[in-house]
């Protein structure tokens, strides 16, 4: 299959090229910093951004939400949302 954009430089604002399931953890960071997060099942998410100094809880995130947030950590404690995908 031909990819007309294969020679284009990947950027944060460019569409994601892969997605990986996220398992929230209280101390382990994400393996790579994603461009955004897809929330399959809504709820709350406790996470820290790549340049953040503290965790923030995002409440009432709806199912199917696309969060343009570059998270370094997604904590198990305080996270009730599920089926989270990190978009790269």
Protein backbone atom coordinates (compact mmCIF):
# COMPACT_ATOMS: atom_id res chain seq x y z
CA UNK A 1 0.00 0.00 0.00
CA UNK A 2 1.40 3.38 -0.96
CA UNK A 3 1.73 6.10 1.69
CA UNK A 4 1.80 9.53 0.08
CA UNK A 5 2.99 11.04 3.38
CA UNK A 6 5.83 8.61 4.15
CA UNK A 7 8.49 11.24 3.42
CA UNK A 8 6.83 13.91 5.57
CA UNK A 9 8.37 14.69 8.95
CA UNK A 10 6.33 13.49 11.91
CA UNK A 11 5.26 16.30 14.25
CA UNK A 12 3.19 16.58 17.42
CA UNK A 13 0.37 18.18 15.42
CA UNK A 14 0.44 15.45 12.74
CA UNK A 15 -2.02 12.54 12.95
CA UNK A 16 -0.93 9.61 15.07
CA UNK A 17 0.82 6.76 13.32
CA UNK A 18 0.32 4.09 16.00
CA UNK A 19 -1.67 3.44 19.16
CA UNK A 20 -0.78 1.42 22.25
CA UNK A 21 -2.97 0.36 25.15
CA UNK A 22 -2.19 2.10 28.44
CA UNK A 23 -2.23 0.32 31.79
CA UNK A 24 -2.35 2.99 34.50
CA UNK A 25 0.33 2.57 37.17
CA UNK A 26 1.09 4.62 40.27
CA UNK A 27 4.86 4.83 39.82
CA UNK A 28 5.86 3.72 36.31
CA UNK A 29 5.94 6.38 33.58
CA UNK A 30 4.66 5.70 30.09
CA UNK A 31 7.36 4.11 27.91
CA UNK A 32 7.12 6.97 25.39
CA UNK A 33 5.44 10.38 25.55
CA UNK A 34 2.30 10.24 23.38
CA UNK A 35 0.87 12.95 21.13
CA UNK A 36 -2.59 12.43 22.61
CA UNK A 37 -4.80 9.96 24.48
CA UNK A 38 -7.99 8.24 23.35
CA UNK A 39 -10.42 7.37 26.16
CA UNK A 40 -12.53 4.33 25.32
CA UNK A 41 -14.55 4.20 28.55
CA UNK A 42 -15.20 7.50 30.29
CA UNK A 43 -14.39 8.43 33.87
CA UNK A 44 -11.64 10.24 35.74
CA UNK A 45 -7.94 10.19 34.83
CA UNK A 46 -5.10 11.17 37.12
CA UNK A 47 -2.01 12.03 35.11
CA UNK A 48 1.03 14.25 34.88
CA UNK A 49 2.10 16.05 31.72
CA UNK A 50 5.56 15.78 30.24
CA UNK A 51 6.53 19.17 31.74
CA UNK A 52 4.29 18.95 34.81
CA UNK A 53 5.47 19.19 38.41
CA UNK A 54 2.36 17.58 39.91
CA UNK A 55 -0.45 15.19 39.01
CA UNK A 56 -3.79 16.56 37.89
CA UNK A 57 -7.12 14.76 37.96
CA UNK A 58 -9.30 15.16 34.89
CA UNK A 59 -12.90 14.39 35.88
CA UNK A 60 -15.93 13.44 33.80
CA UNK A 61 -13.91 12.61 30.69
CA UNK A 62 -16.48 11.13 28.29
CA UNK A 63 -16.18 7.85 26.41
CA UNK A 64 -14.63 8.40 23.01
CA UNK A 65 -12.75 11.55 24.05
CA UNK A 66 -9.51 12.46 22.32
CA UNK A 67 -7.26 14.37 24.72
CA UNK A 68 -4.45 16.36 23.04
CA UNK A 69 -2.29 16.00 26.16
CA UNK A 70 1.31 14.76 26.31
CA UNK A 71 1.18 12.63 29.46
CA UNK A 72 4.29 11.24 31.13
CA UNK A 73 2.36 9.35 33.84
CA UNK A 74 -1.16 7.94 34.02
CA UNK A 75 -1.80 6.91 37.61
CA UNK A 76 -3.87 3.91 38.69
CA UNK A 77 -5.01 5.72 41.83
CA UNK A 78 -7.70 8.21 40.87
CA UNK A 79 -8.23 6.78 37.38
CA UNK A 80 -11.60 5.19 36.68
CA UNK A 81 -11.56 5.67 32.89
CA UNK A 82 -10.67 2.59 30.89
CA UNK A 83 -9.62 1.34 27.48
CA UNK A 84 -7.09 4.17 27.21
CA UNK A 85 -4.91 4.32 24.10
CA UNK A 86 -1.73 6.37 23.82
CA UNK A 87 -1.44 7.83 20.32
CA UNK A 88 2.01 8.22 18.77
